[in-house]
Amino acid sequence: PTGLLTVQIGKMECGQFVGKIKPDKDVERLARKFKLDDPVTSRLTELKVWRKKGGQEDRANNDLERLEQHMRFAKRPNALCTLLVGKLLEGEMEQLPDLANAE
């Protein structure tokens, strides 16, 4: 517990800490459609808020559209969403590939 507390305090000092976030209607729609768990929904909301704070609202909406495309083809949408959102938030991926042509 003390390690987690130290990490959270570090995030607060760097301005990366995000407390309880107000639910977003687009995120809630995706969560209902794909039956996403609460932690996954929270992480999606965090991604959208993070993009909006960076002045990238178009990218936030684009991220959700592309995540929806990926989850449509996934056997386990929860796991896929957790993986992809984590990579976006940690900067491992700049953006998700567009699967519009795959349909």
PDB file of N, CA and C in Angstrom:
ATOM      1  N   PRO A   1       0.811  -1.225   0.000  1.00  0.00           N
ATOM      2  CA  PRO A   1       0.000   0.000   0.000  1.00  0.00           C
ATOM      3  C   PRO A   1       0.843   1.274   0.000  1.00  0.00           C
ATOM      4  N   THR A   2       1.969   1.276   0.689  1.00  0.00           N
ATOM      5  CA  THR A   2       2.776   2.496   0.725  1.00  0.00           C
ATOM      6  C   THR A   2       3.407   2.775  -0.629  1.00  0.00           C
ATOM      7  N   GLY A   3       3.743   1.721  -1.369  1.00  0.00           N
ATOM      8  CA  GLY A   3       4.305   1.899  -2.711  1.00  0.00           C
ATOM      9  C   GLY A   3       3.289   2.543  -3.644  1.00  0.00           C
ATOM     10  N   LEU A   4       2.050   2.077  -3.566  1.00  0.00           N
ATOM     11  CA  LEU A   4       0.984   2.641  -4.394  1.00  0.00           C
ATOM     12  C   LEU A   4       0.750   4.108  -4.026  1.00  0.00           C
ATOM     13  N   LEU A   5       0.763   4.393  -2.750  1.00  0.00           N
ATOM     14  CA  LEU A   5       0.579   5.768  -2.287  1.00  0.00           C
ATOM     15  C   LEU A   5       1.693   6.668  -2.814  1.00  0.00           C
ATOM     16  N   THR A   6       2.917   6.184  -2.783  1.00  0.00           N
ATOM     17  CA  THR A   6       4.057   6.950  -3.281  1.00  0.00           C
ATOM     18  C   THR A   6       3.914   7.235  -4.776  1.00  0.00           C
ATOM     19  N   VAL A   7       3.469   6.232  -5.522  1.00  0.00           N
ATOM     20  CA  VAL A   7       3.263   6.401  -6.962  1.00  0.00           C
ATOM     21  C   VAL A   7       2.180   7.454  -7.224  1.00  0.00           C
ATOM     22  N   GLN A   8       1.082   7.386  -6.481  1.00  0.00           N
ATOM     23  CA  GLN A   8      -0.020   8.340  -6.669  1.00  0.00           C
ATOM     24  C   GLN A   8       0.401   9.763  -6.299  1.00  0.00           C
ATOM     25  N   ILE A   9       1.180   9.909  -5.261  1.00  0.00           N
ATOM     26  CA  ILE A   9       1.681  11.235  -4.874  1.00  0.00           C
ATOM     27  C   ILE A   9       2.603  11.773  -5.961  1.00  0.00           C
ATOM     28  N   GLY A  10       3.437  10.898  -6.529  1.00  0.00           N
ATOM     29  CA  GLY A  10       4.300  11.306  -7.638  1.00  0.00           C
ATOM     30  C   GLY A  10       3.492  11.781  -8.831  1.00  0.00           C
ATOM     31  N   LYS A  11       2.387  11.074  -9.136  1.00  0.00           N
ATOM     32  CA  LYS A  11       1.515  11.492 -10.235  1.00  0.00           C
ATOM     33  C   LYS A  11       0.891  12.854  -9.952  1.00  0.00           C
ATOM     34  N   MET A  12       0.523  13.092  -8.707  1.00  0.00           N
ATOM     35  CA  MET A  12      -0.063  14.384  -8.327  1.00  0.00           C
ATOM     36  C   MET A  12       0.944  15.508  -8.538  1.00  0.00           C
ATOM     37  N   GLU A  13       2.178  15.260  -8.144  1.00  0.00           N
ATOM     38  CA  GLU A  13       3.213  16.276  -8.282  1.00  0.00           C
ATOM     39  C   GLU A  13       3.512  16.593  -9.745  1.00  0.00           C
ATOM     40  N   CYS A  14       3.409  15.576 -10.616  1.00  0.00           N
ATOM     41  CA  CYS A  14       3.679  15.772 -12.044  1.00  0.00           C
ATOM     42  C   CYS A  14       2.452  16.270 -12.803  1.00  0.00           C
ATOM     43  N   GLY A  15       1.302  16.305 -12.140  1.00  0.00           N
ATOM     44  CA  GLY A  15       0.077  16.736 -12.807  1.00  0.00           C
ATOM     45  C   GLY A  15      -0.569  15.640 -13.632  1.00  0.00           C
ATOM     46  N   GLN A  16      -0.191  14.385 -13.408  1.00  0.00           N
ATOM     47  CA  GLN A  16      -0.748  13.268 -14.162  1.00  0.00           C
ATOM     48  C   GLN A  16      -1.881  12.568 -13.427  1.00  0.00           C
ATOM     49  N   PHE A  17      -2.063  12.866 -12.160  1.00  0.00           N
ATOM     50  CA  PHE A  17      -3.084  12.186 -11.362  1.00  0.00           C
ATOM     51  C   PHE A  17      -4.475  12.610 -11.821  1.00  0.00           C
ATOM     52  N   VAL A  18      -5.318  11.609 -12.012  1.00  0.00           N
ATOM     53  CA  VAL A  18      -6.707  11.878 -12.377  1.00  0.00           C
ATOM     54  C   VAL A  18      -7.574  11.226 -11.314  1.00  0.00           C
ATOM     55  N   GLY A  19      -8.366  12.021 -10.622  1.00  0.00           N
ATOM     56  CA  GLY A  19      -9.261  11.492  -9.608  1.00  0.00           C
ATOM     57  C   GLY A  19     -10.493  10.878 -10.245  1.00  0.00           C
ATOM     58  N   LYS A  20     -11.589  10.869  -9.530  1.00  0.00           N
ATOM     59  CA  LYS A  20     -12.837  10.329 -10.073  1.00  0.00           C
ATOM     60  C   LYS A  20     -13.300  11.231 -11.208  1.00  0.00           C
ATOM     61  N   ILE A  21     -13.537  10.641 -12.368  1.00  0.00           N
ATOM     62  CA  ILE A  21     -13.894  11.396 -13.563  1.00  0.00           C
ATOM     63  C   ILE A  21     -15.375  11.265 -13.844  1.00  0.00           C
ATOM     64  N   LYS A  22     -15.980  12.371 -14.255  1.00  0.00           N
ATOM     65  CA  LYS A  22     -17.387  12.355 -14.619  1.00  0.00           C
ATOM     66  C   LYS A  22     -17.561  11.492 -15.872  1.00  0.00           C
ATOM     67  N   PRO A  23     -18.544  10.581 -15.861  1.00  0.00           N
ATOM     68  CA  PRO A  23     -18.727   9.692 -17.014  1.00  0.00           C
ATOM     69  C   PRO A  23     -19.022  10.459 -18.307  1.00  0.00           C
ATOM     70  N   ASP A  24     -18.507   9.957 -19.404  1.00  0.00           N
ATOM     71  CA  ASP A  24     -18.709  10.552 -20.715  1.00  0.00           C
ATOM     72  C   ASP A  24     -19.773   9.741 -21.451  1.00  0.00           C
ATOM     73  N   LYS A  25     -20.671  10.414 -22.162  1.00  0.00           N
ATOM     74  CA  LYS A  25     -21.785   9.702 -22.815  1.00  0.00           C
ATOM     75  C   LYS A  25     -21.301   8.753 -23.909  1.00  0.00           C
ATOM     76  N   ASP A  26     -20.277   9.146 -24.669  1.00  0.00           N
ATOM     77  CA  ASP A  26     -19.754   8.275 -25.721  1.00  0.00           C
ATOM     78  C   ASP A  26     -19.084   7.033 -25.139  1.00  0.00           C
ATOM     79  N   VAL A  27     -18.362   7.234 -24.050  1.00  0.00           N
ATOM     80  CA  VAL A  27     -17.702   6.110 -23.384  1.00  0.00           C
ATOM     81  C   VAL A  27     -18.752   5.173 -22.786  1.00  0.00           C
ATOM     82  N   GLU A  28     -19.781   5.744 -22.184  1.00  0.00           N
ATOM     83  CA  GLU A  28     -20.849   4.928 -21.596  1.00  0.00           C
ATOM     84  C   GLU A  28     -21.566   4.117 -22.673  1.00  0.00           C
ATOM     85  N   ARG A  29     -21.751   4.701 -23.845  1.00  0.00           N
ATOM     86  CA  ARG A  29     -22.398   3.986 -24.954  1.00  0.00           C
ATOM     87  C   ARG A  29     -21.553   2.769 -25.356  1.00  0.00           C
ATOM     88  N   LEU A  30     -20.230   2.972 -25.490  1.00  0.00           N
ATOM     89  CA  LEU A  30     -19.340   1.861 -25.824  1.00  0.00           C
ATOM     90  C   LEU A  30     -19.355   0.790 -24.729  1.00  0.00           C
ATOM     91  N   ALA A  31     -19.368   1.232 -23.485  1.00  0.00           N
ATOM     92  CA  ALA A  31     -19.350   0.295 -22.359  1.00  0.00           C
ATOM     93  C   ALA A  31     -20.607  -0.582 -22.370  1.00  0.00           C
ATOM     94  N   ARG A  32     -21.743   0.011 -22.654  1.00  0.00           N
ATOM     95  CA  ARG A  32     -22.980  -0.775 -22.729  1.00  0.00           C
ATOM     96  C   ARG A  32     -22.972  -1.712 -23.939  1.00  0.00           C
ATOM     97  N   LYS A  33     -22.537  -1.198 -25.075  1.00  0.00           N
ATOM     98  CA  LYS A  33     -22.545  -1.982 -26.318  1.00  0.00           C
ATOM     99  C   LYS A  33     -21.672  -3.238 -26.212  1.00  0.00           C
ATOM    100  N   PHE A  34     -20.490  -3.095 -25.607  1.00  0.00           N
ATOM    101  CA  PHE A  34     -19.554  -4.210 -25.533  1.00  0.00           C
ATOM    102  C   PHE A  34     -19.471  -4.833 -24.143  1.00  0.00           C
ATOM    103  N   LYS A  35     -20.350  -4.403 -23.234  1.00  0.00           N
ATOM    104  CA  LYS A  35     -20.404  -4.934 -21.859  1.00  0.00           C
ATOM    105  C   LYS A  35     -19.046  -4.852 -21.173  1.00  0.00           C
ATOM    106  N   LEU A  36     -18.460  -3.658 -21.197  1.00  0.00           N
ATOM    107  CA  LEU A  36     -17.146  -3.444 -20.601  1.00  0.00           C
ATOM    108  C   LEU A  36     -17.247  -3.332 -19.086  1.00  0.00           C
ATOM    109  N   ASP A  37     -16.221  -3.794 -18.389  1.00  0.00           N
ATOM    110  CA  ASP A  37     -16.153  -3.701 -16.935  1.00  0.00           C
ATOM    111  C   ASP A  37     -15.938  -2.251 -16.503  1.00  0.00           C
ATOM    112  N   ASP A  38     -16.204  -1.974 -15.229  1.00  0.00           N
ATOM    113  CA  ASP A  38     -16.025  -0.618 -14.701  1.00  0.00           C
ATOM    114  C   ASP A  38     -14.582  -0.113 -14.813  1.00  0.00           C
ATOM    115  N   PRO A  39     -13.569  -0.934 -14.466  1.00  0.00           N
ATOM    116  CA  PRO A  39     -12.194  -0.424 -14.602  1.00  0.00           C
ATOM    117  C   PRO A  39     -11.831  -0.061 -16.053  1.00  0.00           C
ATOM    118  N   VAL A  40     -12.330  -0.830 -17.000  1.00  0.00           N
ATOM    119  CA  VAL A  40     -12.051  -0.557 -18.405  1.00  0.00           C
ATOM    120  C   VAL A  40     -12.760   0.728 -18.832  1.00  0.00           C
ATOM    121  N   THR A  41     -13.996   0.885 -18.390  1.00  0.00           N
ATOM    122  CA  THR A  41     -14.757   2.099 -18.692  1.00  0.00           C
ATOM    123  C   THR A  41     -14.066   3.324 -18.106  1.00  0.00           C
ATOM    124  N   SER A  42     -13.570   3.189 -16.897  1.00  0.00           N
ATOM    125  CA  SER A  42     -12.861   4.284 -16.249  1.00  0.00           C
ATOM    126  C   SER A  42     -11.596   4.653 -17.019  1.00  0.00           C
ATOM    127  N   ARG A  43     -10.888   3.653 -17.494  1.00  0.00           N
ATOM    128  CA  ARG A  43      -9.656   3.882 -18.260  1.00  0.00           C
ATOM    129  C   ARG A  43      -9.963   4.577 -19.592  1.00  0.00           C
ATOM    130  N   LEU A  44     -11.064   4.180 -20.239  1.00  0.00           N
ATOM    131  CA  LEU A  44     -11.493   4.832 -21.478  1.00  0.00           C
ATOM    132  C   LEU A  44     -11.831   6.299 -21.238  1.00  0.00           C
ATOM    133  N   THR A  45     -12.524   6.550 -20.141  1.00  0.00           N
ATOM    134  CA  THR A  45     -12.872   7.927 -19.785  1.00  0.00           C
ATOM    135  C   THR A  45     -11.610   8.734 -19.517  1.00  0.00           C
ATOM    136  N   GLU A  46     -10.639   8.107 -18.852  1.00  0.00           N
ATOM    137  CA  GLU A  46      -9.354   8.767 -18.581  1.00  0.00           C
ATOM    138  C   GLU A  46      -8.656   9.156 -19.884  1.00  0.00           C
ATOM    139  N   LEU A  47      -8.693   8.266 -20.872  1.00  0.00           N
ATOM    140  CA  LEU A  47      -8.089   8.556 -22.173  1.00  0.00           C
ATOM    141  C   LEU A  47      -8.766   9.754 -22.825  1.00  0.00           C
ATOM    142  N   LYS A  48     -10.083   9.778 -22.796  1.00  0.00           N
ATOM    143  CA  LYS A  48     -10.810  10.870 -23.437  1.00  0.00           C
ATOM    144  C   LYS A  48     -10.512  12.209 -22.740  1.00  0.00           C
ATOM    145  N   VAL A  49     -10.511  12.204 -21.416  1.00  0.00           N
ATOM    146  CA  VAL A  49     -10.218  13.428 -20.655  1.00  0.00           C
ATOM    147  C   VAL A  49      -8.784  13.881 -20.911  1.00  0.00           C
ATOM    148  N   TRP A  50      -7.853  12.944 -20.968  1.00  0.00           N
ATOM    149  CA  TRP A  50      -6.441  13.260 -21.210  1.00  0.00           C
ATOM    150  C   TRP A  50      -6.269  13.915 -22.573  1.00  0.00           C
ATOM    151  N   ARG A  51      -6.951  13.385 -23.589  1.00  0.00           N
ATOM    152  CA  ARG A  51      -6.879  13.977 -24.929  1.00  0.00           C
ATOM    153  C   ARG A  51      -7.501  15.380 -24.939  1.00  0.00           C
ATOM    154  N   LYS A  52      -8.631  15.533 -24.257  1.00  0.00           N
ATOM    155  CA  LYS A  52      -9.295  16.844 -24.229  1.00  0.00           C
ATOM    156  C   LYS A  52      -8.422  17.888 -23.538  1.00  0.00           C
ATOM    157  N   LYS A  53      -7.769  17.489 -22.443  1.00  0.00           N
ATOM    158  CA  LYS A  53      -6.895  18.427 -21.731  1.00  0.00           C
ATOM    159  C   LYS A  53      -5.732  18.862 -22.609  1.00  0.00           C
ATOM    160  N   GLY A  54      -5.289  17.985 -23.480  1.00  0.00           N
ATOM    161  CA  GLY A  54      -4.197  18.301 -24.398  1.00  0.00           C
ATOM    162  C   GLY A  54      -4.668  19.068 -25.620  1.00  0.00           C
ATOM    163  N   GLY A  55      -5.943  19.447 -25.657  1.00  0.00           N
ATOM    164  CA  GLY A  55      -6.487  20.183 -26.791  1.00  0.00           C
ATOM    165  C   GLY A  55      -6.685  19.314 -28.021  1.00  0.00           C
ATOM    166  N   GLN A  56      -6.859  18.033 -27.803  1.00  0.00           N
ATOM    167  CA  GLN A  56      -6.988  17.093 -28.917  1.00  0.00           C
ATOM    168  C   GLN A  56      -8.350  16.402 -28.886  1.00  0.00           C
ATOM    169  N   GLU A  57      -9.412  17.178 -28.850  1.00  0.00           N
ATOM    170  CA  GLU A  57     -10.750  16.590 -28.758  1.00  0.00           C
ATOM    171  C   GLU A  57     -11.085  15.748 -29.989  1.00  0.00           C
ATOM    172  N   ASP A  58     -10.602  16.173 -31.158  1.00  0.00           N
ATOM    173  CA  ASP A  58     -10.835  15.380 -32.375  1.00  0.00           C
ATOM    174  C   ASP A  58     -10.171  14.007 -32.259  1.00  0.00           C
ATOM    175  N   ARG A  59      -8.969  14.002 -31.701  1.00  0.00           N
ATOM    176  CA  ARG A  59      -8.264  12.722 -31.526  1.00  0.00           C
ATOM    177  C   ARG A  59      -8.968  11.834 -30.514  1.00  0.00           C
ATOM    178  N   ALA A  60      -9.567  12.462 -29.493  1.00  0.00           N
ATOM    179  CA  ALA A  60     -10.299  11.687 -28.487  1.00  0.00           C
ATOM    180  C   ALA A  60     -11.467  10.962 -29.142  1.00  0.00           C
ATOM    181  N   ASN A  61     -12.207  11.672 -29.983  1.00  0.00           N
ATOM    182  CA  ASN A  61     -13.335  11.053 -30.677  1.00  0.00           C
ATOM    183  C   ASN A  61     -12.854  10.011 -31.682  1.00  0.00           C
ATOM    184  N   ASN A  62     -11.754  10.303 -32.346  1.00  0.00           N
ATOM    185  CA  ASN A  62     -11.161   9.366 -33.296  1.00  0.00           C
ATOM    186  C   ASN A  62     -10.718   8.083 -32.579  1.00  0.00           C
ATOM    187  N   ASP A  63     -10.120   8.236 -31.390  1.00  0.00           N
ATOM    188  CA  ASP A  63      -9.709   7.071 -30.603  1.00  0.00           C
ATOM    189  C   ASP A  63     -10.907   6.175 -30.298  1.00  0.00           C
ATOM    190  N   LEU A  64     -12.017   6.785 -29.884  1.00  0.00           N
ATOM    191  CA  LEU A  64     -13.199   5.994 -29.542  1.00  0.00           C
ATOM    192  C   LEU A  64     -13.769   5.280 -30.763  1.00  0.00           C
ATOM    193  N   GLU A  65     -13.799   5.957 -31.897  1.00  0.00           N
ATOM    194  CA  GLU A  65     -14.301   5.330 -33.124  1.00  0.00           C
ATOM    195  C   GLU A  65     -13.447   4.131 -33.514  1.00  0.00           C
ATOM    196  N   ARG A  66     -12.131   4.312 -33.447  1.00  0.00           N
ATOM    197  CA  ARG A  66     -11.237   3.224 -33.837  1.00  0.00           C
ATOM    198  C   ARG A  66     -11.256   2.087 -32.823  1.00  0.00           C
ATOM    199  N   LEU A  67     -11.390   2.410 -31.536  1.00  0.00           N
ATOM    200  CA  LEU A  67     -11.524   1.357 -30.528  1.00  0.00           C
ATOM    201  C   LEU A  67     -12.784   0.539 -30.782  1.00  0.00           C
ATOM    202  N   GLU A  68     -13.854   1.226 -31.152  1.00  0.00           N
ATOM    203  CA  GLU A  68     -15.097   0.522 -31.454  1.00  0.00           C
ATOM    204  C   GLU A  68     -14.896  -0.435 -32.640  1.00  0.00           C
ATOM    205  N   GLN A  69     -14.177   0.012 -33.655  1.00  0.00           N
ATOM    206  CA  GLN A  69     -13.891  -0.846 -34.806  1.00  0.00           C
ATOM    207  C   GLN A  69     -13.130  -2.100 -34.371  1.00  0.00           C
ATOM    208  N   HIS A  70     -12.117  -1.910 -33.535  1.00  0.00           N
ATOM    209  CA  HIS A  70     -11.303  -3.036 -33.079  1.00  0.00           C
ATOM    210  C   HIS A  70     -12.133  -3.986 -32.210  1.00  0.00           C
ATOM    211  N   MET A  71     -12.946  -3.434 -31.324  1.00  0.00           N
ATOM    212  CA  MET A  71     -13.726  -4.275 -30.414  1.00  0.00           C
ATOM    213  C   MET A  71     -14.803  -5.062 -31.154  1.00  0.00           C
ATOM    214  N   ARG A  72     -15.264  -4.562 -32.285  1.00  0.00           N
ATOM    215  CA  ARG A  72     -16.251  -5.279 -33.084  1.00  0.00           C
ATOM    216  C   ARG A  72     -15.723  -6.640 -33.543  1.00  0.00           C
ATOM    217  N   PHE A  73     -14.426  -6.725 -33.780  1.00  0.00           N
ATOM    218  CA  PHE A  73     -13.810  -7.951 -34.262  1.00  0.00           C
ATOM    219  C   PHE A  73     -13.182  -8.792 -33.140  1.00  0.00           C
ATOM    220  N   ALA A  74     -13.235  -8.298 -31.914  1.00  0.00           N
ATOM    221  CA  ALA A  74     -12.544  -8.965 -30.807  1.00  0.00           C
ATOM    222  C   ALA A  74     -13.418 -10.024 -30.142  1.00  0.00           C
ATOM    223  N   LYS A  75     -12.782 -11.102 -29.726  1.00  0.00           N
ATOM    224  CA  LYS A  75     -13.483 -12.129 -28.950  1.00  0.00           C
ATOM    225  C   LYS A  75     -13.665 -11.666 -27.505  1.00  0.00           C
ATOM    226  N   ARG A  76     -12.658 -10.932 -27.015  1.00  0.00           N
ATOM    227  CA  ARG A  76     -12.709 -10.425 -25.628  1.00  0.00           C
ATOM    228  C   ARG A  76     -12.483  -8.911 -25.641  1.00  0.00           C
ATOM    229  N   PRO A  77     -13.550  -8.141 -25.836  1.00  0.00           N
ATOM    230  CA  PRO A  77     -13.413  -6.680 -25.930  1.00  0.00           C
ATOM    231  C   PRO A  77     -12.788  -6.033 -24.691  1.00  0.00           C
ATOM    232  N   ASN A  78     -13.072  -6.581 -23.495  1.00  0.00           N
ATOM    233  CA  ASN A  78     -12.493  -6.021 -22.271  1.00  0.00           C
ATOM    234  C   ASN A  78     -10.975  -6.055 -22.316  1.00  0.00           C
ATOM    235  N   ALA A  79     -10.439  -7.203 -22.642  1.00  0.00           N
ATOM    236  CA  ALA A  79      -8.981  -7.369 -22.661  1.00  0.00           C
ATOM    237  C   ALA A  79      -8.346  -6.496 -23.746  1.00  0.00           C
ATOM    238  N   LEU A  80      -8.957  -6.488 -24.916  1.00  0.00           N
ATOM    239  CA  LEU A  80      -8.417  -5.694 -26.017  1.00  0.00           C
ATOM    240  C   LEU A  80      -8.427  -4.202 -25.677  1.00  0.00           C
ATOM    241  N   CYS A  81      -9.542  -3.751 -25.140  1.00  0.00           N
ATOM    242  CA  CYS A  81      -9.668  -2.330 -24.798  1.00  0.00           C
ATOM    243  C   CYS A  81      -8.644  -1.933 -23.732  1.00  0.00           C
ATOM    244  N   THR A  82      -8.478  -2.768 -22.729  1.00  0.00           N
ATOM    245  CA  THR A  82      -7.494  -2.496 -21.678  1.00  0.00           C
ATOM    246  C   THR A  82      -6.094  -2.364 -22.277  1.00  0.00           C
ATOM    247  N   LEU A  83      -5.744  -3.288 -23.151  1.00  0.00           N
ATOM    248  CA  LEU A  83      -4.423  -3.283 -23.777  1.00  0.00           C
ATOM    249  C   LEU A  83      -4.208  -2.037 -24.642  1.00  0.00           C
ATOM    250  N   LEU A  84      -5.163  -1.737 -25.516  1.00  0.00           N
ATOM    251  CA  LEU A  84      -4.995  -0.617 -26.444  1.00  0.00           C
ATOM    252  C   LEU A  84      -5.019   0.740 -25.732  1.00  0.00           C
ATOM    253  N   VAL A  85      -5.933   0.905 -24.796  1.00  0.00           N
ATOM    254  CA  VAL A  85      -6.002   2.180 -24.062  1.00  0.00           C
ATOM    255  C   VAL A  85      -4.737   2.383 -23.236  1.00  0.00           C
ATOM    256  N   GLY A  86      -4.239   1.312 -22.638  1.00  0.00           N
ATOM    257  CA  GLY A  86      -2.992   1.401 -21.875  1.00  0.00           C
ATOM    258  C   GLY A  86      -1.838   1.859 -22.746  1.00  0.00           C
ATOM    259  N   LYS A  87      -1.748   1.301 -23.955  1.00  0.00           N
ATOM    260  CA  LYS A  87      -0.662   1.683 -24.867  1.00  0.00           C
ATOM    261  C   LYS A  87      -0.802   3.140 -25.308  1.00  0.00           C
ATOM    262  N   LEU A  88      -2.028   3.601 -25.517  1.00  0.00           N
ATOM    263  CA  LEU A  88      -2.233   5.003 -25.907  1.00  0.00           C
ATOM    264  C   LEU A  88      -1.855   5.947 -24.767  1.00  0.00           C
ATOM    265  N   LEU A  89      -2.288   5.611 -23.561  1.00  0.00           N
ATOM    266  CA  LEU A  89      -2.002   6.480 -22.411  1.00  0.00           C
ATOM    267  C   LEU A  89      -0.519   6.515 -22.065  1.00  0.00           C
ATOM    268  N   GLU A  90       0.171   5.404 -22.254  1.00  0.00           N
ATOM    269  CA  GLU A  90       1.595   5.343 -21.913  1.00  0.00           C
ATOM    270  C   GLU A  90       2.488   5.834 -23.046  1.00  0.00           C
ATOM    271  N   GLY A  91       1.885   6.186 -24.175  1.00  0.00           N
ATOM    272  CA  GLY A  91       2.652   6.722 -25.287  1.00  0.00           C
ATOM    273  C   GLY A  91       3.336   5.675 -26.146  1.00  0.00           C
ATOM    274  N   GLU A  92       2.990   4.401 -25.957  1.00  0.00           N
ATOM    275  CA  GLU A  92       3.592   3.345 -26.768  1.00  0.00           C
ATOM    276  C   GLU A  92       3.035   3.360 -28.196  1.00  0.00           C
ATOM    277  N   MET A  93       1.821   3.886 -28.346  1.00  0.00           N
ATOM    278  CA  MET A  93       1.194   4.021 -29.660  1.00  0.00           C
ATOM    279  C   MET A  93       0.735   5.461 -29.813  1.00  0.00           C
ATOM    280  N   GLU A  94       0.953   6.027 -30.974  1.00  0.00           N
ATOM    281  CA  GLU A  94       0.510   7.393 -31.250  1.00  0.00           C
ATOM    282  C   GLU A  94      -0.999   7.405 -31.502  1.00  0.00           C
ATOM    283  N   GLN A  95      -1.451   6.461 -32.334  1.00  0.00           N
ATOM    284  CA  GLN A  95      -2.879   6.332 -32.599  1.00  0.00           C
ATOM    285  C   GLN A  95      -3.165   4.900 -33.027  1.00  0.00           C
ATOM    286  N   LEU A  96      -4.431   4.542 -32.987  1.00  0.00           N
ATOM    287  CA  LEU A  96      -4.828   3.188 -33.368  1.00  0.00           C
ATOM    288  C   LEU A  96      -4.958   3.073 -34.879  1.00  0.00           C
ATOM    289  N   PRO A  97      -4.663   1.902 -35.431  1.00  0.00           N
ATOM    290  CA  PRO A  97      -4.855   1.710 -36.862  1.00  0.00           C
ATOM    291  C   PRO A  97      -6.330   1.775 -37.232  1.00  0.00           C
ATOM    292  N   ASP A  98      -6.632   2.277 -38.407  1.00  0.00           N
ATOM    293  CA  ASP A  98      -8.010   2.403 -38.884  1.00  0.00           C
ATOM    294  C   ASP A  98      -8.424   1.091 -39.540  1.00  0.00           C
ATOM    295  N   LEU A  99      -9.518   0.504 -39.074  1.00  0.00           N
ATOM    296  CA  LEU A  99      -9.997  -0.752 -39.628  1.00  0.00           C
ATOM    297  C   LEU A  99     -11.216  -0.561 -40.523  1.00  0.00           C
ATOM    298  N   ALA A 100     -11.498   0.651 -40.946  1.00  0.00           N
ATOM    299  CA  ALA A 100     -12.669   0.918 -41.773  1.00  0.00           C
ATOM    300  C   ALA A 100     -12.630   0.119 -43.065  1.00  0.00           C
ATOM    301  N   ASN A 101     -11.457  -0.067 -43.654  1.00  0.00           N
ATOM    302  CA  ASN A 101     -11.325  -0.833 -44.893  1.00  0.00           C
ATOM    303  C   ASN A 101     -11.453  -2.333 -44.676  1.00  0.00           C
ATOM    304  N   ALA A 102     -11.281  -2.782 -43.438  1.00  0.00           N
ATOM    305  CA  ALA A 102     -11.352  -4.211 -43.139  1.00  0.00           C
ATOM    306  C   ALA A 102     -12.782  -4.726 -43.191  1.00  0.00           C
ATOM    307  N   GLU A 103     -13.726  -3.835 -43.020  1.00  0.00           N
ATOM    308  CA  GLU A 103     -15.121  -4.257 -43.024  1.00  0.00           C
ATOM    309  C   GLU A 103     -15.512  -4.531 -44.446  1.00  0.00           C
TER     310      GLU A 103
END
